C-alpha cells in the first residue's frame, strides 16, 4: 500500500520539506541565537528572544492581543458579509452565476500589491469612498481610512470574504432545497429556516472559511504595511520591522515561531469548538 501511494506523493513531500519544513527549522534554530553589537548573530541556545516578547506585557497586549483582536473582527465581518452573498449565488444559474463567481474571485486573482494600491485610490481623503459617502450624506467631511486601522480592517474583509463565500457555497449547494421549503410550509420564517436548517448544515463550510481567513488576517503583512500607520503593531508587520529594519533576525525568528504557534493553538481551539457544536446539533436531532 505504501509503495503504491508514496511515488505519486513524492513530489509534494519533497516540496513541503524544501520550502516549508527546512526553512521553518532554520527559523526555529535562529530564534535561539543571540544578537551582538553591530548586528552580528552569535550561535547560542538561549530563550532570551522568547522571554523578551512573552515576558513583556506591552508586547502581549499591543502586538499579540491586538493582532488576534483585529483578525477576529475582520473574520467575523467577512462571515456576516459572505452568508447573504453565498445564499444568493446558490440560487442562481447559467451566465448570472458565472458572472457573480468571477466577481467574487476577482480579489483572489489580482496581485496583492496591485490590489492594495487600487484601494489606496479609494481610501485617500478625496477618494471614491469619501466622495460617495459625502454625496449620500452619510457624513459631512472626509473620514480617514489611509494610515488607519479602519482601512486595514476593510481591506482584510475585502480579501477574506471571497474565501468564506466559496467555502459556504459548497456547503449550501449540498442542502436539499426541499428542507427549507418544508420549514416555510409549516410556518417558519426565513430567519428561522436559516437558523434551524441552513446554518447548522453549513457549519463545515463555515469552519473551513473561518480557518483560512483567520490565519491570513492574523499573519497579515502587506495590508497593514501599506494601509496602516507607522505604529501599527500587527505581529506580521513587527516581524518585518525586526528582521529588515532593525536587523534583529533572532528576535524576528522568535516572533515568527510564536506567531505560528499561537495561530495553530487558536485554530485547534476553533476545531474543538466547531466539532462539539456539530456533535451537539447531531445529538439534538437524534
Protein backbone atom coordinates (compact mmCIF):
# COMPACT_ATOMS: atom_id res chain seq x y z
CA UNK A 1 0.00 0.00 0.00
CA UNK A 2 2.77 2.44 0.98
CA UNK A 3 4.77 1.61 -2.16
CA UNK A 4 1.77 2.48 -4.31
CA UNK A 5 0.94 5.74 -2.52
CA UNK A 6 4.45 7.08 -1.95
CA UNK A 7 5.59 7.66 -5.58
CA UNK A 8 2.66 9.97 -6.51
CA UNK A 9 3.11 11.87 -3.24
CA UNK A 10 6.89 12.15 -3.50
CA UNK A 11 6.99 15.49 -5.41
CA UNK A 12 4.59 17.10 -2.93
CA UNK A 13 6.51 15.71 0.05
CA UNK A 14 9.82 16.95 -1.34
CA UNK A 15 8.31 20.40 -1.97
CA UNK A 16 7.00 20.53 1.60
CA UNK A 17 10.38 19.57 3.01
CA UNK A 18 12.34 22.03 0.87
CA UNK A 19 10.01 25.03 1.00
CA UNK A 20 8.25 24.59 4.37
CA UNK A 21 9.92 22.20 6.80
CA UNK A 22 13.59 23.12 6.28
CA UNK A 23 13.01 26.92 6.28
CA UNK A 24 10.86 26.60 9.41
CA UNK A 25 13.54 24.54 11.14
CA UNK A 26 16.09 27.22 10.23
CA UNK A 27 13.79 29.91 11.69
CA UNK A 28 13.38 27.89 14.90
CA UNK A 29 17.14 27.42 15.22
CA UNK A 30 17.81 31.11 14.55
CA UNK A 31 15.33 32.09 17.27
CA UNK A 32 17.68 30.64 19.91
CA UNK A 33 20.69 32.67 18.74
CA UNK A 34 21.91 35.97 20.16
CA UNK A 35 22.45 39.37 18.57
CA UNK A 36 25.58 41.29 19.48
CA UNK A 37 26.53 44.89 18.86
CA UNK A 38 26.97 45.55 15.16
CA UNK A 39 24.08 43.22 14.29
CA UNK A 40 26.23 40.10 14.44
CA UNK A 41 24.38 36.86 15.07
CA UNK A 42 26.10 34.54 17.53
CA UNK A 43 25.23 30.85 17.72
CA UNK A 44 23.66 30.10 21.09
CA UNK A 45 20.86 28.22 22.81
CA UNK A 46 19.06 30.95 24.73
CA UNK A 47 15.41 31.71 25.43
CA UNK A 48 16.03 35.45 25.74
CA UNK A 49 14.29 36.23 22.47
CA UNK A 50 11.14 34.43 23.64
CA UNK A 51 11.17 35.90 27.16
CA UNK A 52 11.73 39.35 25.66
CA UNK A 53 8.36 39.07 23.94
CA UNK A 54 6.33 36.79 26.20
CA UNK A 55 7.61 38.42 29.38
CA UNK A 56 6.69 41.93 28.31
CA UNK A 57 3.05 42.88 28.88
CA UNK A 58 3.36 45.69 26.32
CA UNK A 59 4.14 43.21 23.54
CA UNK A 60 1.45 40.81 24.72
CA UNK A 61 -1.26 43.50 24.74
CA UNK A 62 -0.22 45.80 21.91
CA UNK A 63 1.10 43.18 19.48
CA UNK A 64 -0.22 39.69 20.21
CA UNK A 65 -3.68 40.54 21.57
CA UNK A 66 -4.04 43.43 19.09
CA UNK A 67 -3.33 41.07 16.16
CA UNK A 68 -5.78 38.46 17.48
CA UNK A 69 -8.48 41.11 18.00
CA UNK A 70 -8.11 42.60 14.52
CA UNK A 71 -8.09 39.11 12.96
CA UNK A 72 -11.25 38.12 14.85
CA UNK A 73 -13.06 41.36 13.94
CA UNK A 74 -12.16 41.11 10.25
CA UNK A 75 -13.07 37.40 10.17
CA UNK A 76 -16.45 38.00 11.84
CA UNK A 77 -17.32 40.80 9.40
CA UNK A 78 -16.24 38.58 6.49
CA UNK A 79 -18.62 35.83 7.67
CA UNK A 80 -21.54 38.26 8.06
CA UNK A 81 -20.92 39.67 4.58
CA UNK A 82 -20.36 36.26 2.98
CA UNK A 83 -23.53 34.45 4.06
CA UNK A 84 -26.05 36.56 2.07
CA UNK A 85 -23.80 36.51 -0.99
CA UNK A 86 -23.32 32.74 -0.86
CA UNK A 87 -27.06 32.16 -0.36
CA UNK A 88 -27.88 34.38 -3.34
CA UNK A 89 -25.29 32.78 -5.65
CA UNK A 90 -26.57 29.31 -4.69
CA UNK A 91 -29.97 30.25 -6.13
CA UNK A 92 -28.56 31.47 -9.48
CA UNK A 93 -27.55 29.53 -12.57
CA UNK A 94 -26.06 29.96 -16.01
CA UNK A 95 -24.41 33.23 -17.07
CA UNK A 96 -25.53 35.14 -13.97
CA UNK A 97 -23.85 32.59 -11.70
CA UNK A 98 -20.62 32.67 -13.72
CA UNK A 99 -20.50 36.46 -13.60
CA UNK A 100 -21.09 36.53 -9.84
CA UNK A 101 -18.42 33.88 -9.22
CA UNK A 102 -15.98 35.84 -11.39
CA UNK A 103 -16.66 38.98 -9.35
CA UNK A 104 -16.23 37.07 -6.10
CA UNK A 105 -12.94 35.54 -7.23
CA UNK A 106 -11.56 38.79 -8.68
CA UNK A 107 -9.75 39.84 -5.45
CA UNK A 108 -8.04 36.43 -5.39
CA UNK A 109 -6.79 36.76 -8.97
CA UNK A 110 -5.21 40.20 -8.60
CA UNK A 111 -1.74 40.65 -7.16
CA UNK A 112 -1.93 41.79 -3.54
CA UNK A 113 0.26 44.87 -4.03
CA UNK A 114 -1.75 45.94 -7.08
CA UNK A 115 -4.96 45.36 -5.14
CA UNK A 116 -3.77 47.47 -2.20
CA UNK A 117 -2.68 50.33 -4.47
CA UNK A 118 -6.15 50.30 -6.02
CA UNK A 119 -7.70 50.65 -2.58
CA UNK A 120 -5.33 53.48 -1.74
CA UNK A 121 -7.02 55.47 -4.52
CA UNK A 122 -10.39 54.63 -2.94
CA UNK A 123 -9.31 55.36 0.64
CA UNK A 124 -7.50 58.67 0.21
CA UNK A 125 -9.07 61.88 1.53
CA UNK A 126 -10.75 62.88 -1.74
CA UNK A 127 -11.08 59.32 -2.97
CA UNK A 128 -14.09 57.40 -4.20
CA UNK A 129 -15.25 56.13 -0.78
CA UNK A 130 -15.26 59.53 0.93
CA UNK A 131 -16.81 61.23 -2.11
CA UNK A 132 -19.59 58.62 -2.22
CA UNK A 133 -20.32 58.80 1.50
CA UNK A 134 -20.43 62.60 1.45
CA UNK A 135 -22.71 62.57 -1.62
CA UNK A 136 -25.04 60.15 0.22
CA UNK A 137 -24.90 62.44 3.32
CA UNK A 138 -23.57 59.59 5.46
CA UNK A 139 -21.06 62.07 6.87
CA UNK A 140 -20.19 65.68 6.17
CA UNK A 141 -16.40 65.58 5.87
CA UNK A 142 -13.83 63.03 4.72
CA UNK A 143 -13.05 60.19 7.11
CA UNK A 144 -9.51 58.96 7.49
CA UNK A 145 -9.05 55.45 6.10
CA UNK A 146 -5.44 55.67 4.96
CA UNK A 147 -2.83 55.16 7.68
CA UNK A 148 -5.62 54.00 9.98
CA UNK A 149 -6.76 50.64 11.33
CA UNK A 150 -10.24 51.16 9.79
CA UNK A 151 -8.73 50.90 6.32
CA UNK A 152 -6.77 47.80 7.34
CA UNK A 153 -9.92 46.02 8.57
CA UNK A 154 -11.92 46.98 5.45
CA UNK A 155 -9.23 45.64 3.15
CA UNK A 156 -8.79 42.44 5.19
CA UNK A 157 -12.55 41.86 4.88
CA UNK A 158 -12.43 42.51 1.14
CA UNK A 159 -9.65 39.95 0.72
CA UNK A 160 -11.05 37.39 3.16
CA UNK A 161 -14.77 37.41 2.31
CA UNK A 162 -14.34 35.54 -1.04
CA UNK A 163 -12.75 32.59 0.77
CA UNK A 164 -15.74 32.36 3.11
CA UNK A 165 -18.21 32.74 0.22
CA UNK A 166 -16.62 29.89 -1.73
CA UNK A 167 -16.44 27.65 1.36
CA UNK A 168 -20.07 28.32 2.26
CA UNK A 169 -21.24 27.91 -1.32
CA UNK A 170 -20.05 24.32 -1.40
CA UNK A 171 -21.96 23.51 1.80
CA UNK A 172 -25.11 25.39 0.75
CA UNK A 173 -25.32 23.56 -2.56
CA UNK A 174 -25.33 20.23 -0.69
CA UNK A 175 -28.52 21.21 1.18
CA UNK A 176 -31.74 19.94 -0.34
CA UNK A 177 -34.00 22.92 -1.15
CA UNK A 178 -36.94 20.82 -0.02
CA UNK A 179 -35.77 21.13 3.59
CA UNK A 180 -36.10 24.91 3.61
CA UNK A 181 -39.32 24.72 1.63
CA UNK A 182 -40.80 22.26 4.13
CA UNK A 183 -39.87 24.55 7.02
CA UNK A 184 -41.52 27.52 5.31
CA UNK A 185 -44.65 25.45 4.61
CA UNK A 186 -45.15 24.72 8.32
CA UNK A 187 -44.91 28.41 9.22
CA UNK A 188 -41.19 29.03 9.80
CA UNK A 189 -39.93 32.49 8.89
CA UNK A 190 -36.94 32.95 6.62
CA UNK A 191 -34.75 33.70 9.61
CA UNK A 192 -35.97 30.61 11.48
CA UNK A 193 -35.43 28.41 8.42
CA UNK A 194 -31.93 29.80 8.04
CA UNK A 195 -31.01 29.44 11.72
CA UNK A 196 -32.51 25.99 12.25
CA UNK A 197 -31.67 24.37 8.90
CA UNK A 198 -29.20 26.25 6.71
CA UNK A 199 -26.79 27.42 9.41
CA UNK A 200 -26.25 24.02 11.08
CA UNK A 201 -25.80 22.27 7.73
CA UNK A 202 -23.25 24.85 6.53
CA UNK A 203 -21.03 24.61 9.62
CA UNK A 204 -18.33 22.54 7.85
CA UNK A 205 -18.03 25.19 5.14
CA UNK A 206 -18.18 27.97 7.72
CA UNK A 207 -15.38 26.35 9.71
CA UNK A 208 -13.20 25.95 6.60
CA UNK A 209 -13.71 29.59 5.64
CA UNK A 210 -13.03 30.88 9.15
CA UNK A 211 -9.81 28.86 9.42
CA UNK A 212 -8.46 30.22 6.13
CA UNK A 213 -9.47 33.82 6.74
CA UNK A 214 -8.35 34.00 10.38
CA UNK A 215 -4.94 32.53 9.54
CA UNK A 216 -4.49 35.10 6.75
CA UNK A 217 -5.69 38.01 8.89
CA UNK A 218 -3.61 37.11 11.94
CA UNK A 219 -0.37 36.94 9.95
CA UNK A 220 -1.24 39.84 7.59
CA UNK A 221 1.79 41.82 6.50
CA UNK A 222 1.31 43.74 3.23
CA UNK A 223 -2.05 45.28 4.13
CA UNK A 224 -1.04 46.81 7.49
CA UNK A 225 2.30 47.85 5.98
CA UNK A 226 0.73 49.79 3.10
CA UNK A 227 -2.55 50.93 4.69
CA UNK A 228 -1.86 51.11 8.43
CA UNK A 229 0.09 53.85 10.17
CA UNK A 230 3.74 53.61 11.11
CA UNK A 231 2.86 52.40 14.63
CA UNK A 232 0.59 49.52 13.57
CA UNK A 233 1.67 46.62 15.76
CA UNK A 234 0.23 43.59 13.97
CA UNK A 235 2.59 40.72 14.59
CA UNK A 236 3.40 40.03 10.93
CA UNK A 237 4.45 43.65 10.49
CA UNK A 238 6.51 43.58 13.70
CA UNK A 239 8.39 40.54 12.35
CA UNK A 240 9.16 42.51 9.18
CA UNK A 241 10.45 45.50 11.13
CA UNK A 242 12.64 43.45 13.43
CA UNK A 243 14.12 41.41 10.56
CA UNK A 244 14.63 44.04 7.85
CA UNK A 245 14.68 47.38 9.64
CA UNK A 246 16.31 46.51 12.98
CA UNK A 247 18.31 43.58 11.52
CA UNK A 248 17.45 41.51 14.60
CA UNK A 249 16.95 38.12 12.99
CA UNK A 250 16.94 36.08 16.24
CA UNK A 251 14.12 38.16 17.73
CA UNK A 252 12.22 38.20 14.42
CA UNK A 253 12.57 34.41 14.23
CA UNK A 254 11.25 34.02 17.77
CA UNK A 255 8.28 36.22 16.86
CA UNK A 256 7.66 34.06 13.79
CA UNK A 257 7.65 30.89 15.88
CA UNK A 258 5.30 32.49 18.41
CA UNK A 259 3.01 33.68 15.61
CA UNK A 260 2.79 30.20 14.09
CA UNK A 261 2.29 28.55 17.49
CA UNK A 262 -0.45 30.97 18.60
CA UNK A 263 -2.17 30.68 15.22
CA UNK A 264 -2.09 26.88 15.47
CA UNK A 265 -3.47 26.90 19.02
CA UNK A 266 -6.34 29.22 18.08
CA UNK A 267 -7.19 27.12 15.03
CA UNK A 268 -7.14 23.95 17.12
CA UNK A 269 -9.44 25.65 19.60
CA UNK A 270 -11.79 26.53 16.74
CA UNK A 271 -11.69 22.91 15.56
CA UNK A 272 -12.70 21.68 19.03
CA UNK A 273 -15.45 24.33 19.31
CA UNK A 274 -16.97 23.59 15.90
CA UNK A 275 -16.59 19.84 16.44
CA UNK A 276 -18.54 19.99 19.70
CA UNK A 277 -21.11 22.33 18.15
CA UNK A 278 -21.72 19.94 15.26
CA UNK A 279 -21.92 16.94 17.61
CA UNK A 280 -24.39 18.78 19.84
CA UNK A 281 -26.55 19.54 16.81
CA UNK A 282 -26.48 15.88 15.80
CA UNK A 283 -27.43 14.76 19.33
CA UNK A 284 -30.33 17.22 19.39
CA UNK A 285 -31.61 15.82 16.07
CA UNK A 286 -31.45 12.28 17.45
